[in-house]
Structure formats: structure tokens, C-alpha cells
Amino acid sequence: MTGSKDPHEEKRKEALKAIDRVQAESETVAGSTFVRMADRAKNHMSAADKPEEDQIEVWGTRIGRSAGLVFAIGLVIYLVVTYVL
């Protein structure tokens, strides 16, 4: 029985490799999801969906979206202070 390996040891090594592979893939998926969400938010706030020829529309969209974000944050703060604290 020279050269024969323990079958349990081989299965254990395969299982550890599979776990490492799954962990690496899950980190990649989570990271890429976060990056995609950040890119979408950046593009939304910078009015990337508006035509570049009309600068008034682009700046109006940026100002409106920024004002909406400030209003939403202010509303959350108001509601927390009023009903939670």
C-alpha cells in the first residue's frame, strides 16, 4: 500500500478548496454589486442620462436631484428627532 492516500484526507482537501472558491466568488459578487450601485448613484446625481448639448437642463437636473436628496435627509432627521428621541 505504498503511495495510497487516505480518502478522507483527499475529500477534506477538496472541500477546503471548494470553500475557498465560494468565499472568493462571494466577495467578488458583493464588491461588484457595491461598485455598480455607487456608479448608478454617481451617474444619477451627475445627470449623466441628460443630453450634454443642453447645459441648462443638465444643471437644472443636478440641482433638483441634489435638493431632493437634501430634503430626504432633512425629513429623516426630522422624523427621527420627532418620533424616536
C-alpha atoms as a PDB file:
ATOM      1  CA  MET A   1       0.000   0.000   0.000  1.00  0.00           C
ATOM      2  CA  THR A   2       2.751   2.395  -0.810  1.00  0.00           C
ATOM      3  CA  GLY A   3       1.629   5.632  -2.433  1.00  0.00           C
ATOM      4  CA  SER A   4      -2.018   5.281  -1.396  1.00  0.00           C
ATOM      5  CA  LYS A   5      -3.534   8.302   0.297  1.00  0.00           C
ATOM      6  CA  ASP A   6      -6.228   8.464   2.874  1.00  0.00           C
ATOM      7  CA  PRO A   7      -9.555   9.045   1.017  1.00  0.00           C
ATOM      8  CA  HIS A   8     -10.809  11.219   3.857  1.00  0.00           C
ATOM      9  CA  GLU A   9      -7.800  13.494   3.524  1.00  0.00           C
ATOM     10  CA  GLU A  10      -8.429  13.925  -0.208  1.00  0.00           C
ATOM     11  CA  LYS A  11     -12.089  14.757   0.399  1.00  0.00           C
ATOM     12  CA  ARG A  12     -11.111  17.223   3.089  1.00  0.00           C
ATOM     13  CA  LYS A  13      -8.686  18.998   0.752  1.00  0.00           C
ATOM     14  CA  GLU A  14     -11.321  19.141  -1.993  1.00  0.00           C
ATOM     15  CA  ALA A  15     -13.860  20.553   0.445  1.00  0.00           C
ATOM     16  CA  LEU A  16     -11.430  23.230   1.632  1.00  0.00           C
ATOM     17  CA  LYS A  17     -10.685  24.203  -1.970  1.00  0.00           C
ATOM     18  CA  ALA A  18     -14.420  24.451  -2.682  1.00  0.00           C
ATOM     19  CA  ILE A  19     -14.963  26.641   0.394  1.00  0.00           C
ATOM     20  CA  ASP A  20     -12.108  28.953  -0.626  1.00  0.00           C
ATOM     21  CA  ARG A  21     -13.515  29.197  -4.146  1.00  0.00           C
ATOM     22  CA  VAL A  22     -17.009  30.065  -2.879  1.00  0.00           C
ATOM     23  CA  GLN A  23     -15.657  32.696  -0.483  1.00  0.00           C
ATOM     24  CA  ALA A  24     -13.649  34.335  -3.271  1.00  0.00           C
ATOM     25  CA  GLU A  25     -16.683  34.389  -5.577  1.00  0.00           C
ATOM     26  CA  SER A  26     -18.985  35.827  -2.917  1.00  0.00           C
ATOM     27  CA  GLU A  27     -16.518  38.633  -2.164  1.00  0.00           C
ATOM     28  CA  THR A  28     -16.319  39.428  -5.870  1.00  0.00           C
ATOM     29  CA  VAL A  29     -20.101  39.488  -6.270  1.00  0.00           C
ATOM     30  CA  ALA A  30     -20.602  41.674  -3.203  1.00  0.00           C
ATOM     31  CA  GLY A  31     -17.842  44.036  -4.276  1.00  0.00           C
ATOM     32  CA  SER A  32     -19.108  44.343  -7.809  1.00  0.00           C
ATOM     33  CA  THR A  33     -22.658  44.933  -6.561  1.00  0.00           C
ATOM     34  CA  PHE A  34     -21.474  47.765  -4.347  1.00  0.00           C
ATOM     35  CA  VAL A  35     -19.446  49.264  -7.190  1.00  0.00           C
ATOM     36  CA  ARG A  36     -22.426  49.062  -9.571  1.00  0.00           C
ATOM     37  CA  MET A  37     -24.707  50.750  -7.024  1.00  0.00           C
ATOM     38  CA  ALA A  38     -22.155  53.514  -6.407  1.00  0.00           C
ATOM     39  CA  ASP A  39     -21.738  54.084 -10.152  1.00  0.00           C
ATOM     40  CA  ARG A  40     -25.504  54.261 -10.650  1.00  0.00           C
ATOM     41  CA  ALA A  41     -25.839  56.804  -7.827  1.00  0.00           C
ATOM     42  CA  LYS A  42     -22.965  58.881  -9.205  1.00  0.00           C
ATOM     43  CA  ASN A  43     -24.429  58.835 -12.716  1.00  0.00           C
ATOM     44  CA  HIS A  44     -27.879  59.695 -11.379  1.00  0.00           C
ATOM     45  CA  MET A  45     -26.673  62.662  -9.324  1.00  0.00           C
ATOM     46  CA  SER A  46     -24.461  63.992 -12.143  1.00  0.00           C
ATOM     47  CA  ALA A  47     -27.367  63.835 -14.645  1.00  0.00           C
ATOM     48  CA  ALA A  48     -25.488  61.508 -16.987  1.00  0.00           C
ATOM     49  CA  ASP A  49     -28.804  60.493 -18.550  1.00  0.00           C
ATOM     50  CA  LYS A  50     -29.440  64.011 -19.904  1.00  0.00           C
ATOM     51  CA  PRO A  51     -28.101  65.199 -23.274  1.00  0.00           C
ATOM     52  CA  GLU A  52     -24.823  67.121 -22.978  1.00  0.00           C
ATOM     53  CA  GLU A  53     -25.908  69.722 -25.554  1.00  0.00           C
ATOM     54  CA  ASP A  54     -28.419  71.355 -23.197  1.00  0.00           C
ATOM     55  CA  GLN A  55     -26.356  72.538 -20.217  1.00  0.00           C
ATOM     56  CA  ILE A  56     -29.330  74.312 -18.615  1.00  0.00           C
ATOM     57  CA  GLU A  57     -31.245  71.034 -18.434  1.00  0.00           C
ATOM     58  CA  VAL A  58     -28.204  69.203 -17.070  1.00  0.00           C
ATOM     59  CA  TRP A  59     -27.600  71.758 -14.309  1.00  0.00           C
ATOM     60  CA  GLY A  60     -31.306  72.006 -13.521  1.00  0.00           C
ATOM     61  CA  THR A  61     -31.446  68.225 -13.146  1.00  0.00           C
ATOM     62  CA  ARG A  62     -28.361  68.212 -10.908  1.00  0.00           C
ATOM     63  CA  ILE A  63     -29.781  70.967  -8.713  1.00  0.00           C
ATOM     64  CA  GLY A  64     -33.175  69.274  -8.480  1.00  0.00           C
ATOM     65  CA  ARG A  65     -31.736  65.887  -7.595  1.00  0.00           C
ATOM     66  CA  SER A  66     -29.382  67.414  -5.019  1.00  0.00           C
ATOM     67  CA  ALA A  67     -32.244  69.392  -3.467  1.00  0.00           C
ATOM     68  CA  GLY A  68     -34.328  66.223  -3.323  1.00  0.00           C
ATOM     69  CA  LEU A  69     -31.507  64.374  -1.559  1.00  0.00           C
ATOM     70  CA  VAL A  70     -31.062  67.192   0.970  1.00  0.00           C
ATOM     71  CA  PHE A  71     -34.838  67.277   1.561  1.00  0.00           C
ATOM     72  CA  ALA A  72     -34.970  63.490   2.078  1.00  0.00           C
ATOM     73  CA  ILE A  73     -32.087  63.570   4.571  1.00  0.00           C
ATOM     74  CA  GLY A  74     -33.705  66.502   6.402  1.00  0.00           C
ATOM     75  CA  LEU A  75     -37.029  64.667   6.526  1.00  0.00           C
ATOM     76  CA  VAL A  76     -35.409  61.554   8.005  1.00  0.00           C
ATOM     77  CA  ILE A  77     -33.644  63.662  10.634  1.00  0.00           C
ATOM     78  CA  TYR A  78     -36.893  65.459  11.475  1.00  0.00           C
ATOM     79  CA  LEU A  79     -38.823  62.201  11.810  1.00  0.00           C
ATOM     80  CA  VAL A  80     -36.143  60.616  13.999  1.00  0.00           C
ATOM     81  CA  VAL A  81     -35.971  63.641  16.280  1.00  0.00           C
ATOM     82  CA  THR A  82     -39.762  63.948  16.483  1.00  0.00           C
ATOM     83  CA  TYR A  83     -40.795  60.337  16.945  1.00  0.00           C
ATOM     84  CA  VAL A  84     -37.789  58.428  18.207  1.00  0.00           C
ATOM     85  CA  LEU A  85     -35.927  60.730  20.564  1.00  0.00           C
END
